[in-house]
N, C-alpha and C. Protein backbone atom coordinates (compact mmCIF):
# COMPACT_ATOMS: atom_id res chain seq x y z
N MET A 1 0.68 -1.27 0.08
CA MET A 1 0.01 0.10 -0.05
C MET A 1 0.89 1.33 -0.10
N LYS A 2 0.56 2.20 -0.76
CA LYS A 2 1.40 3.55 -0.79
C LYS A 2 0.68 4.41 0.21
N LEU A 3 1.64 5.20 0.80
CA LEU A 3 1.04 6.28 1.65
C LEU A 3 1.48 7.68 0.97
N THR A 4 0.69 8.41 1.18
CA THR A 4 0.66 9.78 0.65
C THR A 4 0.29 10.78 1.76
N SER A 5 0.93 12.02 1.49
CA SER A 5 0.63 13.08 2.54
C SER A 5 0.70 14.43 1.73
N PHE A 6 -0.37 15.29 2.33
CA PHE A 6 -0.68 16.53 1.60
C PHE A 6 -0.77 17.58 2.68
N THR A 7 -0.31 18.62 2.43
CA THR A 7 -0.45 19.78 3.41
C THR A 7 -1.17 20.95 2.87
N LEU A 8 -2.09 21.32 3.73
CA LEU A 8 -3.05 22.68 3.52
C LEU A 8 -2.24 23.75 4.18
N ILE A 9 -1.81 24.70 3.37
CA ILE A 9 -1.17 25.87 3.80
C ILE A 9 -1.97 27.17 3.45
N GLU A 10 -2.36 27.89 4.73
CA GLU A 10 -3.54 28.86 4.58
C GLU A 10 -2.95 30.31 5.19
N LYS A 11 -3.22 31.33 4.62
CA LYS A 11 -2.68 32.65 5.13
C LYS A 11 -3.71 33.62 4.73
N ASP A 12 -4.23 34.38 5.73
CA ASP A 12 -5.26 35.38 5.54
C ASP A 12 -6.44 35.01 4.34
N ASP A 13 -6.83 33.75 4.72
CA ASP A 13 -8.02 33.03 3.76
C ASP A 13 -7.48 32.94 2.43
N ASN A 14 -6.26 32.57 2.15
CA ASN A 14 -5.66 32.30 0.87
C ASN A 14 -5.14 30.93 1.19
N TYR A 15 -5.25 30.00 0.19
CA TYR A 15 -4.62 28.59 0.26
C TYR A 15 -3.79 28.43 -0.91
N LEU A 16 -2.51 27.65 -0.55
CA LEU A 16 -1.49 27.45 -1.40
C LEU A 16 -1.74 26.16 -2.10
N LEU A 17 -1.72 26.28 -3.45
CA LEU A 17 -1.81 25.30 -4.38
C LEU A 17 -0.63 25.05 -5.22
N VAL A 18 -0.13 23.84 -5.68
CA VAL A 18 0.85 23.71 -6.81
C VAL A 18 0.50 23.04 -7.89
N ARG A 19 0.95 23.60 -9.06
CA ARG A 19 0.56 23.04 -10.41
C ARG A 19 1.46 21.89 -10.69
N GLU A 20 0.69 20.67 -10.91
CA GLU A 20 1.44 19.45 -11.41
C GLU A 20 2.08 19.53 -12.69
N ASN A 21 3.40 18.86 -12.72
CA ASN A 21 4.19 18.74 -14.10
C ASN A 21 4.33 17.51 -14.41
N SER A 22 3.98 16.79 -13.82
CA SER A 22 4.15 14.99 -14.12
C SER A 22 3.22 14.76 -15.39
N LEU A 23 3.46 13.73 -16.12
CA LEU A 23 2.92 13.45 -17.15
C LEU A 23 1.39 13.32 -17.04
N LYS A 24 1.03 12.42 -15.89
CA LYS A 24 -0.26 11.91 -15.68
C LYS A 24 -1.19 13.05 -15.31
N TRP A 25 -0.72 14.17 -14.56
CA TRP A 25 -1.51 15.06 -13.94
C TRP A 25 -1.14 16.47 -14.44
N LYS A 26 -0.39 16.67 -15.25
CA LYS A 26 0.01 17.93 -15.98
C LYS A 26 -1.08 18.99 -16.06
N GLY A 27 -0.82 20.10 -15.34
CA GLY A 27 -1.67 21.34 -15.39
C GLY A 27 -2.67 21.19 -14.25
N HIS A 28 -2.96 20.29 -13.37
CA HIS A 28 -3.83 20.03 -12.47
C HIS A 28 -3.14 20.69 -11.17
N TRP A 29 -4.02 21.26 -10.07
CA TRP A 29 -3.73 21.99 -9.23
C TRP A 29 -3.93 21.01 -7.85
N PHE A 30 -3.09 20.97 -6.92
CA PHE A 30 -3.03 20.19 -5.79
C PHE A 30 -2.42 20.86 -4.63
N PHE A 31 -2.49 20.42 -3.42
CA PHE A 31 -2.01 20.88 -2.26
C PHE A 31 -0.54 20.21 -2.44
N PRO A 32 0.43 20.81 -1.72
CA PRO A 32 1.74 20.41 -1.73
C PRO A 32 1.69 18.99 -1.03
N GLY A 33 2.54 17.88 -1.81
CA GLY A 33 2.24 16.74 -1.20
C GLY A 33 2.82 15.59 -2.07
N GLY A 34 2.90 14.33 -1.67
CA GLY A 34 3.28 13.25 -2.55
C GLY A 34 3.60 12.08 -1.71
N HIS A 35 4.08 11.07 -2.28
CA HIS A 35 4.12 9.83 -1.74
C HIS A 35 5.43 9.59 -0.65
N ALA A 36 5.15 9.05 0.31
CA ALA A 36 6.03 8.80 1.31
C ALA A 36 7.25 7.77 0.78
N LYS A 37 8.31 7.94 1.25
CA LYS A 37 9.44 6.96 1.13
C LYS A 37 9.47 5.93 2.00
N LYS A 38 10.02 4.69 1.51
CA LYS A 38 10.15 3.54 2.59
C LYS A 38 10.81 4.16 3.98
N ASP A 39 10.24 3.66 4.93
CA ASP A 39 10.51 3.80 6.41
C ASP A 39 10.09 5.35 6.60
N GLU A 40 9.34 6.11 6.18
CA GLU A 40 9.20 7.45 6.25
C GLU A 40 7.67 7.76 6.93
N SER A 41 7.60 8.32 8.01
CA SER A 41 6.31 8.68 8.33
C SER A 41 5.41 9.59 7.48
N PRO A 42 4.07 9.50 7.74
CA PRO A 42 3.26 10.38 6.95
C PRO A 42 3.65 11.96 7.28
N GLU A 43 3.75 12.19 8.67
CA GLU A 43 4.48 13.51 8.83
C GLU A 43 5.65 13.96 8.30
N GLN A 44 6.69 13.10 8.24
CA GLN A 44 7.79 13.41 7.64
C GLN A 44 7.82 13.55 6.06
N ALA A 45 6.89 12.74 5.31
CA ALA A 45 6.81 12.77 3.92
C ALA A 45 5.89 14.28 3.88
N ALA A 46 5.05 14.63 4.46
CA ALA A 46 4.47 15.95 4.38
C ALA A 46 5.43 17.07 4.40
N THR A 47 6.17 17.18 5.41
CA THR A 47 7.22 18.19 5.41
C THR A 47 8.15 18.33 4.44
N ARG A 48 8.79 16.87 4.00
CA ARG A 48 9.65 16.70 3.02
C ARG A 48 9.06 17.39 1.49
N GLU A 49 7.84 16.87 1.31
CA GLU A 49 7.20 17.26 0.12
C GLU A 49 6.99 18.78 -0.18
N VAL A 50 6.50 19.32 0.97
CA VAL A 50 6.48 20.88 0.97
C VAL A 50 7.75 21.47 0.79
N LYS A 51 8.91 21.05 1.26
CA LYS A 51 10.31 21.42 1.14
C LYS A 51 10.47 21.11 -0.56
N GLU A 52 10.30 20.08 -1.06
CA GLU A 52 10.64 19.84 -2.40
C GLU A 52 9.67 20.47 -3.47
N ASP A 53 8.48 20.69 -3.02
CA ASP A 53 7.46 21.56 -3.97
C ASP A 53 7.73 23.07 -4.05
N ILE A 54 7.94 23.59 -2.71
CA ILE A 54 7.89 25.10 -2.78
C ILE A 54 9.17 25.62 -1.91
N SER A 55 10.15 24.64 -1.75
CA SER A 55 11.41 25.11 -1.13
C SER A 55 11.03 25.89 0.37
N CYS A 56 9.88 25.37 1.06
CA CYS A 56 9.75 26.00 2.31
C CYS A 56 9.47 25.03 3.44
N ASP A 57 10.02 25.40 4.65
CA ASP A 57 9.97 24.61 5.83
C ASP A 57 8.68 24.99 6.28
N VAL A 58 7.67 23.84 6.99
CA VAL A 58 6.45 24.26 7.54
C VAL A 58 6.55 23.31 8.85
N ASP A 59 5.68 23.86 9.80
CA ASP A 59 5.31 23.28 11.04
C ASP A 59 4.06 22.58 10.87
N LEU A 60 3.82 21.25 10.88
CA LEU A 60 2.67 20.68 10.81
C LEU A 60 1.77 21.04 12.26
N LYS A 61 0.44 21.54 12.03
CA LYS A 61 -0.27 21.68 13.38
C LYS A 61 -1.14 20.58 13.45
N GLU A 62 -1.94 19.82 12.65
CA GLU A 62 -2.60 18.71 12.90
C GLU A 62 -3.02 17.87 11.70
N MET A 63 -3.34 16.63 11.95
CA MET A 63 -3.82 16.09 10.76
C MET A 63 -5.42 16.30 10.55
N PHE A 64 -5.99 16.74 9.65
CA PHE A 64 -7.43 16.95 9.55
C PHE A 64 -8.33 15.93 8.66
N TYR A 65 -7.53 15.26 7.80
CA TYR A 65 -8.29 14.38 7.21
C TYR A 65 -7.72 13.04 6.55
N THR A 66 -8.12 11.90 6.56
CA THR A 66 -7.56 10.66 6.01
C THR A 66 -8.36 10.22 4.65
N LYS A 67 -7.84 9.47 3.81
CA LYS A 67 -8.72 8.98 3.00
C LYS A 67 -7.99 7.74 2.40
N TYR A 68 -8.99 6.58 2.00
CA TYR A 68 -8.16 5.21 1.68
C TYR A 68 -8.84 5.12 0.33
N ASN A 69 -7.94 4.98 -0.57
CA ASN A 69 -8.39 4.54 -1.96
C ASN A 69 -7.74 3.20 -2.34
N PRO A 70 -9.00 2.33 -2.22
CA PRO A 70 -8.73 0.86 -2.55
C PRO A 70 -8.42 0.34 -3.74
N GLY A 71 -7.80 -0.51 -4.22
CA GLY A 71 -7.09 -0.82 -5.25
C GLY A 71 -6.64 -2.42 -5.06
N ILE A 72 -6.73 -3.05 -6.43
CA ILE A 72 -6.26 -4.45 -6.30
C ILE A 72 -4.69 -4.42 -6.07
N LEU A 73 -4.14 -3.88 -7.00
CA LEU A 73 -2.72 -3.44 -6.89
C LEU A 73 -2.07 -2.12 -6.18
N ASN A 74 -2.76 -1.20 -6.34
CA ASN A 74 -2.43 0.14 -5.97
C ASN A 74 -3.32 0.88 -4.93
N ALA A 75 -3.52 0.15 -3.89
CA ALA A 75 -4.15 0.61 -2.59
C ALA A 75 -3.57 1.93 -2.28
N GLU A 76 -4.04 3.11 -1.67
CA GLU A 76 -3.34 4.18 -1.27
C GLU A 76 -4.08 4.77 -0.04
N LEU A 77 -3.38 5.18 1.03
CA LEU A 77 -3.70 5.70 2.25
C LEU A 77 -3.23 7.36 2.06
N CYS A 78 -4.13 8.39 2.35
CA CYS A 78 -3.67 9.61 2.06
C CYS A 78 -3.95 10.18 3.33
N PHE A 79 -2.97 10.94 3.77
CA PHE A 79 -3.00 11.95 5.04
C PHE A 79 -2.88 13.48 4.72
N TYR A 80 -3.80 14.25 5.40
CA TYR A 80 -3.94 15.78 5.05
C TYR A 80 -3.53 16.38 6.12
N TYR A 81 -2.77 17.55 6.27
CA TYR A 81 -2.29 18.09 7.50
C TYR A 81 -2.63 19.82 7.28
N TYR A 82 -2.88 20.37 8.52
CA TYR A 82 -2.92 21.69 8.39
C TYR A 82 -1.32 22.20 8.61
N ALA A 83 -1.01 23.26 8.30
CA ALA A 83 0.39 23.72 8.52
C ALA A 83 0.42 25.25 8.62
């Protein structure tokens, strides 16, 4: 099962989204985030992905949502955090 983490970054009622450049999702907008590496916690993945996506360090406040995407070969558990 894949683990993914995303971070909701809000300031003055504005929310940060990143535009995806990968072939599959090119042009779509998402919260900063992505797949966890082996032996990486969801929290570590969230902070690393924000750093990679927008070159910014964040302090996670809390997890606010989880989502399970079932699949025969590609099940995925997603974690969403406030920063």
